[in-house]
Structure formats: structure tokens, C-alpha cells
Amino acid sequence: MTPAARIQAAIELLSEIEATPRPADAVASLYFKNRRFIGSKDRQGVAGLVYSVLRHWARLHWWLDKAGHEKQDARALLIAETMLAGGRRAEATMALFDGAKFGPAPLSEPERKLIRALDSHTLDTPQQGEAVRGEVPDWAAPALRATLGDRFQAEMAAMLEEAPLDLRVNPLKGGREAARKALAEAGVEAVPTPLSPFGLRVRGRAPVSTLQAFRDGLFEIQDEGSQLVALLTDARPGMQVVDFCAGAGGKTLAIAAMMANKGRVVAADVLEKRLDRAKLRFRRAGLHNIETRGLSTARDPWVKRHKGKFDRVLVDAPCTGTGTWRRNPDSRWRPLGPGLAELLPLQVEILDSAARLVKPGGRLVYATCSMLRDENEAQVERFLVNRPGWRLVPVPEAWPEGLGNPPVLDAMLRLTPARNDTDGFFAAVLERDAAAAATADEAPAEAEPTEETAP
């Protein structure tokens, strides 16, 4: 593809992303699937342009406002991106919009005026506010400042970087060295992750999912922070474990592998179709101690029937996803699910319901991929106030024996891009008193629905 053709493809893809209520990666995947004539290098080039726009969204719009350009569509954003971030001058930018075959349509007069206004400028300027420079949406800025304090700018700057590609080695199929060797033979360089004993970090953006080692189940793609959350369950062979919000099954896979295929893991979720897709991953990994369970709601009758039956329960709760902005830059500006006000009570409901599954002496791990205290420490504090007979297990105490040093020495796990070079993750390990009566696990302010009346 010519540079102009790449620009036009990027304009088309960005327009589809803006018009489609789905995550950008899903829209991009379908876009390229329907255009198989676009080669791999061109796909990377087009996707790189689009994701660069998404990472620079606030600053690009700031410049469009400053230039007085009213139609802030995909064309205007790509013009601004190629000039402010790509370094193209006015004449070279205009040459891309000359109406040539497969290229963008000719420029309008307002677009020519925009190009002249942006000429010789760069993306960043001291005139931009702190939130604009950090690409922080208005709804999240106050809560992030309150949570991060004097680390706000450093963390938001780290959030602007591209996320690394992390892999989790499947111990049932081989160790890290075996996985490194298989990757090296395929021309992919990888190094051990510093915190997860099962992690590898890949150099560059290699298509690892096309490798035979991946198809054989030797490794899975999983951020190092997510791996640490799964390890904090300290799931052991023979245990009964529930991954209560299993989603696509990444943490379920890690937990089942820790258990060496012995015991029982229930992958539960209200989105049953995601569980169906996860089954393919389970089979590829050679795991047969996993069963899936679709739930109607967090208070599905299945939960009541299995009260006090499980040694470990993981709740990877729905959240704002502020910790994944490096990986999903569009989610800053295009929230596709409930907002913070709706998520907080939902997290309370899910956590309280999942707690009923924990047997006396068992543990509940509450986790999010959020950076906000309201979704993290505040939810744990509320839970402990309302639940006598439960205690917080500090991370060093919860960390499995034989896996080296714990990732942090704090009471709760909080990972951030600037400090840990992972996605933003939070986890807390809560243990139920071994002497607790099986009937004494309800939150005091809530009534238990019967199976006949449960939604």
C-alpha cells in the first residue's frame, strides 16, 4: 500500500471504531478479516496509525479546537496525527490527500486551513492542561488524582506507553526455559518477567498466537499482573475453586494449572458465550479439571446451593478498566459498559454473593483491573466492616510457598504501569474464620432470595 492508501484505510477503520459500540480491537479484527488483500505489514501500519490516534485522542482534539476546526472526524484526526505526532509538514500532508486511487478524497478548504494551522507544531505543548497531556477523561481525573496523589503524572505518562506482550508458561506442558527455547526457534526473543515465576516478556510485537508452541498449549498470552492475581489464590491440587467472573478464562487457566489438573475448578460468568469460547483454551492447555457454569446474575440459585463448599473463590470484578488503558486506549473515551456509579454497587453485590461460596477456613480473592481506590481498597474495607469472621491476609502471607519472593510486601496487591510495568491491577486476599458456622456468612444488611424468587 502507498502511504496515501494507508491513510485512507486508517480513516475508514477509525470511522468504523467511532460508529460501532464494540471495543476497538474487535472492530479492527473484523475490518482486516473482511480485507484479506491487505498484507501483514500494511495491517500493522494501518492499525498502528489508528491506535496512535486513540492514544493521542485528547491532545489531538485540543489542537483541532485551537485551530478552530469544527468537523473533528476521522479525516481531521488523521491529518493532525500525521503532522503533530508523525512530523509531516504541510506540503507533504497535502500531497497525501490529492484524490489518487485508493487514497483519501481531496482536501476541503477547512482541511487546508487546518493543515496550515498545524504546520511546524508538535503534539505536546505546555499550554495543554495536566489531564490533556495525560490523556485522562474528565470522569476519571478527580478519582485518579485522589488515588495516586503525587504519582498521578508519572502514572498517567506510563499509561501512554504501549503495553508489553507477556506470556504465561503452562507448567503442565513445560517450564520457562522450554518455552523460551521454542520461541527462540521461531525467531521470537523473550525474557523472564521480574515478578511472575511463570511469565515471559516478548521483545517486539511477534505474532505468537500463530506459533506451534502456542497451539500446543505451552503458553498463553496474559499480562504479568493478571498472572500474579491468579497466583494469589494459592490454589493447590485437590482443592475446590471458583473463578466467579471468569470471562475469557485467563485466570481460570492459571489456577487450574497450579492445581496440576487435580481437584475442581468452576469457571462461572453471567456471559455464557464467553465461557463457551474459553473451553477451546482449556482444551489447548490440556486441562480437564475445569467445568463452566453460566449464571443468570450474581445471586444465581447455584450460589445458594453451593454455600460454603469451596476452598478458594476468585472475584475478578467488573470495573472501569482504568488499569488497562495502555492496552485499550479507546476505553478512556468510549465506555461501553456501566459507569463508575453503576459499577460500585454491582461490585458490592458480586463480592457479597461470592463470599457465600467460601468454606470456613477458605479464602476469597477480590481483584480488579482498576486504578481507583473506590473500586479497590474501599470495597475491601466495606466488606470487612460488614463481615465479622473474615480477615485480610497480607500478600506475603498469601503468596504460595516455593514461588520465591512475593511481588509486594504490602497488605494488598496494587500494581501500576510506572512502578511495575504491568497493567494496573488490584487484589486483596480475604480469609474466612475456620470456626465460622456454615449459616453465618450472609452480609447483615441483605436478605437472601429464595430459588423461587431469585431472578
Protein backbone atom coordinates (compact mmCIF):
# COMPACT_ATOMS: atom_id res chain seq x y z
CA MET A 1 0.00 0.00 0.00
CA THR A 2 1.11 3.55 -0.67
CA PRO A 3 1.31 5.97 2.28
CA ALA A 4 -1.88 7.61 0.99
CA ALA A 5 -3.68 4.25 0.82
CA ARG A 6 -2.65 3.52 4.41
CA ILE A 7 -4.05 6.87 5.48
CA GLN A 8 -7.35 6.12 3.74
CA ALA A 9 -7.57 2.67 5.34
CA ALA A 10 -6.85 4.25 8.73
CA ILE A 11 -9.61 6.81 8.14
CA GLU A 12 -12.06 4.00 7.30
CA LEU A 13 -11.08 1.91 10.32
CA LEU A 14 -11.18 4.83 12.75
CA SER A 15 -14.62 5.82 11.40
CA GLU A 16 -15.87 2.28 11.99
CA ILE A 17 -14.50 2.27 15.54
CA GLU A 18 -16.26 5.55 16.33
CA ALA A 19 -19.54 4.30 14.86
CA THR A 20 -19.52 0.79 16.40
CA PRO A 21 -20.34 0.14 20.09
CA ARG A 22 -17.66 -2.54 20.40
CA PRO A 23 -14.02 -2.46 21.61
CA ALA A 24 -11.56 -1.11 19.07
CA ASP A 25 -9.60 -4.36 18.84
CA ALA A 26 -12.75 -6.29 17.91
CA VAL A 27 -13.68 -3.74 15.24
CA ALA A 28 -10.15 -3.78 13.84
CA SER A 29 -10.07 -7.58 13.75
CA LEU A 30 -13.29 -7.69 11.70
CA TYR A 31 -12.11 -4.86 9.44
CA PHE A 32 -8.95 -6.73 8.44
CA LYS A 33 -10.75 -10.08 8.24
CA ASN A 34 -13.00 -8.58 5.58
CA ARG A 35 -9.99 -7.18 3.68
CA ARG A 36 -7.59 -10.07 3.40
CA PHE A 37 -5.90 -8.35 0.46
CA ILE A 38 -4.18 -6.07 2.99
CA GLY A 39 -0.80 -7.64 3.77
CA SER A 40 0.59 -8.12 7.25
CA LYS A 41 2.98 -5.14 7.13
CA ASP A 42 0.23 -2.88 5.86
CA ARG A 43 -2.14 -4.18 8.55
CA GLN A 44 0.43 -3.29 11.16
CA GLY A 45 0.92 0.13 9.61
CA VAL A 46 -2.79 0.93 9.43
CA ALA A 47 -3.51 -0.39 12.92
CA GLY A 48 -0.50 1.49 14.26
CA LEU A 49 -1.85 4.76 12.86
CA VAL A 50 -5.31 4.19 14.32
CA TYR A 51 -4.07 3.18 17.75
CA SER A 52 -1.73 6.15 17.77
CA VAL A 53 -4.75 8.39 17.23
CA LEU A 54 -6.55 6.67 20.11
CA ARG A 55 -3.52 7.15 22.39
CA HIS A 56 -3.29 10.84 21.43
CA TRP A 57 -7.05 11.48 21.48
CA ALA A 58 -7.23 14.35 23.99
CA ARG A 59 -4.19 16.17 22.61
CA LEU A 60 -5.32 15.85 19.01
CA HIS A 61 -8.75 17.22 19.88
CA TRP A 62 -7.08 20.05 21.82
CA TRP A 63 -5.20 21.05 18.67
CA LEU A 64 -8.31 20.77 16.49
CA ASP A 65 -10.14 23.07 18.91
CA LYS A 66 -7.23 25.51 18.95
CA ALA A 67 -7.21 25.58 15.15
CA GLY A 68 -10.95 26.25 15.13
CA HIS A 69 -11.67 23.16 13.03
CA GLU A 70 -15.32 22.26 13.53
CA LYS A 71 -15.57 18.86 11.80
CA GLN A 72 -13.47 16.72 14.11
CA ASP A 73 -13.94 13.49 12.20
CA ALA A 74 -11.55 10.66 11.34
CA ARG A 75 -10.02 12.65 8.45
CA ALA A 76 -9.22 15.61 10.70
CA LEU A 77 -7.77 13.34 13.37
CA LEU A 78 -5.53 11.54 10.87
CA ILE A 79 -4.36 14.85 9.45
CA ALA A 80 -3.47 16.05 12.94
CA GLU A 81 -1.84 12.72 13.82
CA THR A 82 0.41 12.61 10.77
CA MET A 83 1.55 16.19 11.36
CA LEU A 84 1.76 16.54 15.15
CA ALA A 85 2.93 13.04 16.04
CA GLY A 86 4.30 11.88 12.68
CA GLY A 87 6.23 15.07 11.94
CA ARG A 88 4.89 15.67 8.39
CA ARG A 89 4.93 19.23 7.18
CA ALA A 90 2.05 20.95 5.41
CA GLU A 91 3.12 20.30 1.82
CA ALA A 92 3.79 16.59 2.40
CA THR A 93 0.46 16.18 4.19
CA MET A 94 -1.49 17.85 1.41
CA ALA A 95 0.19 15.54 -1.10
CA LEU A 96 -1.40 12.53 0.67
CA PHE A 97 -4.88 13.95 0.02
CA ASP A 98 -4.64 14.51 -3.74
CA GLY A 99 -7.51 12.20 -4.69
CA ALA A 100 -5.26 9.47 -6.13
CA LYS A 101 -6.63 5.93 -6.49
CA PHE A 102 -7.03 4.15 -3.13
CA GLY A 103 -6.05 7.35 -1.32
CA PRO A 104 -8.18 9.88 0.59
CA ALA A 105 -10.52 12.26 -1.21
CA PRO A 106 -9.16 15.74 -1.99
CA LEU A 107 -8.96 18.25 0.82
CA SER A 108 -11.71 20.72 1.59
CA GLU A 109 -10.79 24.34 2.19
CA PRO A 110 -11.33 23.99 6.01
CA GLU A 111 -8.95 21.00 5.94
CA ARG A 112 -6.33 23.02 4.07
CA LYS A 113 -6.69 25.75 6.65
CA LEU A 114 -6.25 23.14 9.41
CA ILE A 115 -3.06 21.83 7.82
CA ARG A 116 -1.61 25.33 7.59
CA ALA A 117 -2.52 25.99 11.24
CA LEU A 118 -0.82 22.78 12.45
CA ASP A 119 2.32 23.18 10.36
CA SER A 120 5.57 23.01 12.40
CA HIS A 121 3.77 22.25 15.66
CA THR A 122 4.26 19.14 17.82
CA LEU A 123 1.76 17.07 19.77
CA ASP A 124 2.73 18.31 23.22
CA THR A 125 2.75 21.90 24.38
CA PRO A 126 2.91 23.48 27.86
CA GLN A 127 -0.40 25.19 27.11
CA GLN A 128 -2.24 21.88 27.46
CA GLY A 129 -3.61 21.08 30.89
CA GLU A 130 -2.34 18.20 33.00
CA ALA A 131 -5.32 16.00 32.20
CA VAL A 132 -5.00 16.66 28.45
CA ARG A 133 -1.28 15.84 28.47
CA GLY A 134 -2.02 12.66 30.42
CA GLU A 135 -4.97 11.71 28.17
CA VAL A 136 -7.26 11.47 31.20
CA PRO A 137 -11.04 11.76 30.65
CA ASP A 138 -12.96 14.17 32.86
CA TRP A 139 -14.92 11.41 34.62
CA ALA A 140 -11.74 9.71 35.88
CA ALA A 141 -9.37 12.59 36.62
CA PRO A 142 -10.56 13.50 40.17
CA ALA A 143 -10.65 9.88 41.36
CA LEU A 144 -7.23 9.10 39.86
CA ARG A 145 -5.68 12.19 41.42
CA ALA A 146 -7.15 11.25 44.80
CA THR A 147 -5.84 7.69 44.49
CA LEU A 148 -2.38 8.37 43.05
CA GLY A 149 -1.50 11.65 44.74
CA ASP A 150 1.92 12.94 43.70
CA ARG A 151 2.35 9.91 41.40
CA PHE A 152 -0.53 10.99 39.18
CA GLN A 153 1.57 12.50 36.38
CA ALA A 154 4.13 9.69 36.33
CA GLU A 155 1.45 7.00 36.19
CA MET A 156 -0.54 8.76 33.50
CA ALA A 157 2.63 9.19 31.45
CA ALA A 158 3.34 5.47 31.80
CA MET A 159 -0.23 4.75 30.71
CA LEU A 160 0.53 6.41 27.38
CA GLU A 161 3.14 3.79 26.51
CA GLU A 162 2.28 0.66 24.57
CA ALA A 163 1.73 -2.35 26.85
CA PRO A 164 4.32 -5.14 26.66
CA LEU A 165 3.43 -8.58 25.36
CA ASP A 166 3.52 -11.01 28.29
CA LEU A 167 3.09 -14.78 28.17
CA ARG A 168 2.28 -17.24 30.96
CA VAL A 169 4.01 -20.57 30.62
CA ASN A 170 1.80 -23.62 31.18
CA PRO A 171 3.67 -25.77 33.76
CA LEU A 172 1.77 -28.85 32.63
CA LYS A 173 3.42 -28.60 29.22
CA GLY A 174 6.89 -27.36 30.17
CA GLY A 175 8.90 -24.74 32.05
CA ARG A 176 10.00 -21.24 31.17
CA GLU A 177 13.21 -22.40 29.58
CA ALA A 178 11.35 -24.83 27.33
CA ALA A 179 9.03 -22.01 26.27
CA ARG A 180 11.93 -19.61 25.70
CA LYS A 181 13.65 -22.20 23.54
CA ALA A 182 10.52 -22.82 21.48
CA LEU A 183 10.07 -19.09 20.97
CA ALA A 184 13.72 -18.61 20.06
CA GLU A 185 13.49 -21.37 17.45
CA ALA A 186 10.62 -19.41 15.92
CA GLY A 187 12.71 -16.24 15.91
CA VAL A 188 11.00 -14.66 18.93
CA GLU A 189 13.11 -13.28 21.79
CA ALA A 190 11.62 -13.46 25.28
CA VAL A 191 12.94 -12.79 28.78
CA PRO A 192 11.58 -13.87 32.20
CA THR A 193 9.18 -11.44 33.82
CA PRO A 194 10.54 -9.98 37.07
CA LEU A 195 7.53 -10.72 39.28
CA SER A 196 5.69 -13.77 37.95
CA PRO A 197 7.62 -17.05 38.11
CA PHE A 198 5.65 -18.32 35.11
CA GLY A 199 5.92 -15.23 32.91
CA LEU A 200 7.87 -14.35 29.78
CA ARG A 201 8.04 -10.92 28.18
CA VAL A 202 8.37 -10.88 24.41
CA ARG A 203 10.58 -8.39 22.65
CA GLY A 204 8.62 -6.60 19.93
CA ARG A 205 5.14 -7.47 18.67
CA ALA A 206 5.67 -11.01 17.40
CA PRO A 207 2.51 -12.90 16.26
CA VAL A 208 2.95 -15.56 18.96
CA SER A 209 -0.59 -16.91 18.59
CA THR A 210 0.38 -18.32 15.19
CA LEU A 211 3.24 -20.41 16.60
CA GLN A 212 3.03 -24.16 17.05
CA ALA A 213 4.09 -23.83 20.71
CA PHE A 214 1.01 -21.70 21.31
CA ARG A 215 -1.27 -24.14 19.51
CA ASP A 216 0.25 -26.93 21.62
CA GLY A 217 -0.69 -25.08 24.82
CA LEU A 218 2.85 -24.36 26.02
CA PHE A 219 1.95 -20.77 26.85
CA GLU A 220 -0.93 -18.29 26.94
CA ILE A 221 -0.97 -14.55 26.37
CA GLN A 222 -1.53 -12.95 29.80
CA ASP A 223 -0.27 -9.74 31.39
CA GLU A 224 2.13 -10.32 34.26
CA GLY A 225 -0.20 -8.53 36.68
CA SER A 226 -3.06 -10.84 35.80
CA GLN A 227 -0.78 -13.82 36.42
CA LEU A 228 0.01 -12.53 39.91
CA VAL A 229 -3.67 -12.19 40.76
CA ALA A 230 -4.25 -15.84 39.88
CA LEU A 231 -1.22 -16.92 41.92
CA LEU A 232 -2.56 -15.10 44.98
CA THR A 233 -5.38 -17.64 45.19
CA ASP A 234 -2.72 -20.17 46.29
CA ALA A 235 -4.89 -22.85 44.67
CA ARG A 236 -3.48 -26.31 45.39
CA PRO A 237 -4.03 -29.77 43.94
CA GLY A 238 -7.24 -31.34 45.20
CA MET A 239 -8.95 -28.08 46.15
CA GLN A 240 -12.42 -26.89 45.13
CA VAL A 241 -12.10 -23.48 43.42
CA VAL A 242 -14.45 -21.00 41.73
CA ASP A 243 -13.43 -18.28 39.31
CA PHE A 244 -16.63 -16.30 39.82
CA CYS A 245 -16.21 -13.77 36.96
CA ALA A 246 -14.17 -16.00 34.65
CA GLY A 247 -14.77 -14.15 31.39
CA ALA A 248 -12.45 -15.50 28.72
CA GLY A 249 -10.79 -17.81 31.24
CA GLY A 250 -7.26 -16.44 31.51
CA LYS A 251 -7.05 -16.66 35.30
CA THR A 252 -9.03 -19.91 35.29
CA LEU A 253 -6.29 -21.45 33.16
CA ALA A 254 -3.58 -20.28 35.55
CA ILE A 255 -5.45 -21.59 38.60
CA ALA A 256 -6.16 -24.99 37.07
CA ALA A 257 -2.51 -25.35 36.06
CA MET A 258 -1.42 -24.52 39.64
CA MET A 259 -3.61 -27.40 40.76
CA ALA A 260 -1.87 -29.81 38.35
CA ASN A 261 -5.22 -31.00 36.97
CA LYS A 262 -6.21 -32.30 40.41
CA GLY A 263 -9.31 -31.05 42.16
CA ARG A 264 -12.12 -28.99 40.67
CA VAL A 265 -12.24 -25.53 39.12
CA VAL A 266 -15.57 -23.91 38.24
CA ALA A 267 -15.38 -21.11 35.69
CA ALA A 268 -18.54 -19.07 36.24
CA ASP A 269 -19.81 -15.96 34.48
CA VAL A 270 -23.05 -14.24 33.51
CA LEU A 271 -21.78 -14.06 29.91
CA GLU A 272 -22.08 -17.72 28.98
CA LYS A 273 -20.91 -17.26 25.39
CA ARG A 274 -17.51 -16.12 26.68
CA LEU A 275 -17.28 -19.34 28.67
CA ASP A 276 -18.01 -21.35 25.51
CA ARG A 277 -15.04 -19.68 23.81
CA ALA A 278 -12.89 -20.28 26.89
CA LYS A 279 -13.42 -24.05 26.55
CA LEU A 280 -11.16 -24.04 23.50
CA ARG A 281 -8.38 -22.54 25.60
CA PHE A 282 -8.90 -25.13 28.33
CA ARG A 283 -8.56 -27.99 25.86
CA ARG A 284 -5.48 -26.50 24.24
CA ALA A 285 -3.81 -26.22 27.65
CA GLY A 286 -4.53 -29.87 28.43
CA LEU A 287 -6.68 -29.03 31.44
CA HIS A 288 -9.54 -31.34 32.35
CA ASN A 289 -10.31 -30.24 35.92
CA ILE A 290 -12.38 -27.23 34.75
CA GLU A 291 -16.14 -27.04 34.38
CA THR A 292 -18.10 -24.00 33.23
CA ARG A 293 -21.18 -22.55 34.86
CA GLY A 294 -23.34 -19.84 33.33
CA LEU A 295 -25.00 -17.59 35.91
CA SER A 296 -28.19 -15.60 35.49
CA THR A 297 -27.00 -12.93 37.96
CA ALA A 298 -24.51 -12.64 40.80
CA ARG A 299 -27.22 -14.19 43.01
CA ASP A 300 -27.99 -17.14 40.79
CA PRO A 301 -29.63 -20.04 42.70
CA TRP A 302 -26.49 -22.11 42.03
CA VAL A 303 -24.65 -19.91 44.53
CA LYS A 304 -27.11 -20.67 47.31
CA ARG A 305 -26.95 -24.41 46.60
CA HIS A 306 -23.14 -24.36 46.93
CA LYS A 307 -22.74 -22.20 50.02
CA GLY A 308 -19.63 -22.99 51.99
CA LYS A 309 -18.34 -25.60 49.53
CA PHE A 310 -15.18 -24.03 48.08
CA ASP A 311 -11.62 -23.61 49.34
CA ARG A 312 -10.90 -20.65 47.07
CA VAL A 313 -13.11 -18.15 45.27
CA LEU A 314 -11.68 -15.56 42.89
CA VAL A 315 -13.77 -12.49 42.10
CA ASP A 316 -12.23 -10.55 39.21
CA ALA A 317 -14.95 -7.95 39.41
CA PRO A 318 -16.33 -5.84 36.56
CA CYS A 319 -14.71 -2.42 36.84
CA THR A 320 -13.88 0.77 34.98
CA GLY A 321 -10.78 -0.86 33.47
CA THR A 322 -8.63 2.20 34.15
CA GLY A 323 -5.67 -0.13 34.68
CA THR A 324 -5.84 -1.37 31.09
CA TRP A 325 -5.65 1.96 29.28
CA ARG A 326 -2.23 1.13 27.83
CA ARG A 327 -3.74 -1.93 26.20
CA ASN A 328 -7.20 -0.49 25.41
CA PRO A 329 -6.71 3.24 24.78
CA ASP A 330 -10.18 3.63 23.29
CA SER A 331 -11.79 2.65 26.60
CA ARG A 332 -10.81 6.02 28.08
CA TRP A 333 -13.15 7.81 25.71
CA ARG A 334 -15.70 5.14 24.72
CA PRO A 335 -17.06 3.45 27.86
CA LEU A 336 -19.11 0.56 26.50
CA GLY A 337 -20.45 -0.73 29.81
CA PRO A 338 -21.79 0.73 33.06
CA GLY A 339 -20.06 3.75 34.54
CA LEU A 340 -18.43 4.06 37.95
CA ALA A 341 -21.68 4.96 39.71
CA GLU A 342 -23.31 1.75 38.46
CA LEU A 343 -20.23 -0.43 38.94
CA LEU A 344 -19.69 0.27 42.64
CA PRO A 345 -22.97 -1.30 43.86
CA LEU A 346 -22.55 -4.13 41.35
CA GLN A 347 -19.12 -4.91 42.83
CA VAL A 348 -20.67 -4.97 46.31
CA GLU A 349 -23.35 -7.39 45.18
CA ILE A 350 -20.91 -9.71 43.41
CA LEU A 351 -18.43 -9.75 46.29
CA ASP A 352 -21.10 -10.42 48.91
CA SER A 353 -22.69 -13.17 46.85
CA ALA A 354 -19.38 -14.88 46.04
CA ALA A 355 -18.41 -14.84 49.71
CA ARG A 356 -21.21 -17.30 50.43
CA LEU A 357 -19.36 -19.95 48.43
CA VAL A 358 -16.28 -19.90 50.70
CA LYS A 359 -15.99 -22.65 53.27
CA PRO A 360 -14.77 -21.92 56.82
CA GLY A 361 -11.02 -21.51 56.61
CA GLY A 362 -11.23 -20.81 52.87
CA ARG A 363 -10.17 -17.67 51.02
CA LEU A 364 -11.80 -15.11 48.77
CA VAL A 365 -9.62 -13.09 46.40
CA TYR A 366 -11.14 -9.80 45.25
CA ALA A 367 -9.46 -8.28 42.20
CA THR A 368 -9.97 -5.55 39.61
CA CYS A 369 -8.04 -4.05 36.71
CA SER A 370 -8.87 -0.60 38.06
CA MET A 371 -6.60 2.13 39.45
CA LEU A 372 -9.38 3.72 41.53
CA ARG A 373 -9.47 3.37 45.31
CA ASP A 374 -13.28 3.39 45.34
CA GLU A 375 -13.28 0.14 43.38
CA ASN A 376 -10.42 -1.41 45.32
CA GLU A 377 -9.40 -0.74 48.94
CA ALA A 378 -12.72 0.93 49.73
CA GLN A 379 -14.66 -2.18 48.66
CA VAL A 380 -12.44 -4.42 50.78
CA GLU A 381 -12.83 -2.14 53.80
CA ARG A 382 -16.60 -2.16 53.41
CA PHE A 383 -16.63 -5.94 53.16
CA LEU A 384 -14.59 -6.42 56.34
CA VAL A 385 -16.72 -3.96 58.31
CA ASN A 386 -19.91 -5.80 57.33
CA ARG A 387 -18.49 -9.32 57.68
CA PRO A 388 -17.28 -10.31 61.13
CA GLY A 389 -15.36 -13.55 60.97
CA TRP A 390 -13.28 -12.51 57.95
CA ARG A 391 -9.73 -11.12 57.91
CA LEU A 392 -7.38 -9.58 55.38
CA VAL A 393 -4.44 -11.87 54.55
CA PRO A 394 -1.34 -9.77 53.69
CA VAL A 395 0.23 -10.50 50.33
CA PRO A 396 3.45 -12.02 51.78
CA GLU A 397 1.37 -14.45 53.85
CA ALA A 398 -0.93 -15.32 50.94
CA TRP A 399 1.88 -15.86 48.42
CA PRO A 400 2.31 -19.58 47.61
CA GLU A 401 5.29 -21.35 49.10
CA GLY A 402 8.03 -22.32 46.70
CA LEU A 403 7.44 -19.47 44.25
CA GLY A 404 10.15 -17.15 45.51
CA ASN A 405 9.64 -13.70 46.95
CA PRO A 406 6.15 -12.17 46.94
CA PRO A 407 5.62 -9.43 44.34
CA VAL A 408 4.97 -6.79 47.04
CA LEU A 409 5.27 -6.64 50.81
CA ASP A 410 2.03 -4.73 51.32
CA ALA A 411 -1.24 -5.95 52.79
CA MET A 412 -2.94 -5.69 49.39
CA LEU A 413 -1.60 -6.03 45.86
CA ARG A 414 -1.57 -2.83 43.85
CA LEU A 415 0.31 -2.88 40.56
CA THR A 416 0.77 0.11 38.27
CA PRO A 417 2.49 0.70 34.92
CA ALA A 418 5.04 3.22 36.23
CA ARG A 419 6.12 1.18 39.26
CA ASN A 420 5.74 -2.37 37.96
CA ASP A 421 5.47 -2.16 34.16
CA THR A 422 2.25 -4.18 34.29
CA ASP A 423 -1.33 -3.24 33.69
CA GLY A 424 -2.96 -1.56 36.68
CA PHE A 425 -4.18 -4.37 38.93
CA PHE A 426 -5.51 -4.65 42.45
CA ALA A 427 -6.09 -7.73 44.58
CA ALA A 428 -6.89 -8.47 48.22
CA VAL A 429 -6.99 -11.88 49.88
CA LEU A 430 -9.77 -12.36 52.45
CA GLU A 431 -9.93 -15.40 54.70
CA ARG A 432 -12.98 -16.76 56.46
CA ASP A 433 -12.61 -17.82 60.08
CA ALA A 434 -12.15 -21.60 60.22
CA ALA A 435 -14.58 -21.75 63.13
CA ALA A 436 -17.35 -19.88 61.30
CA ALA A 437 -20.70 -21.61 61.15
CA ALA A 438 -21.88 -22.52 57.68
CA THR A 439 -25.01 -20.40 58.12
CA ALA A 440 -23.26 -17.27 59.37
CA ASP A 441 -21.88 -15.97 56.10
CA GLU A 442 -24.53 -13.53 55.00
CA ALA A 443 -23.96 -9.79 54.86
CA PRO A 444 -26.10 -8.44 57.72
CA ALA A 445 -27.96 -5.83 55.69
CA GLU A 446 -29.13 -8.14 52.92
CA ALA A 447 -31.94 -10.62 52.54
CA GLU A 448 -31.35 -13.92 50.78
CA PRO A 449 -33.62 -14.53 47.77
CA THR A 450 -35.13 -17.97 47.51
CA GLU A 451 -34.62 -20.10 44.44
CA GLU A 452 -38.26 -19.47 43.51
CA THR A 453 -37.91 -15.68 43.67
CA ALA A 454 -34.30 -15.24 42.55
CA PRO A 455 -34.02 -13.51 39.18
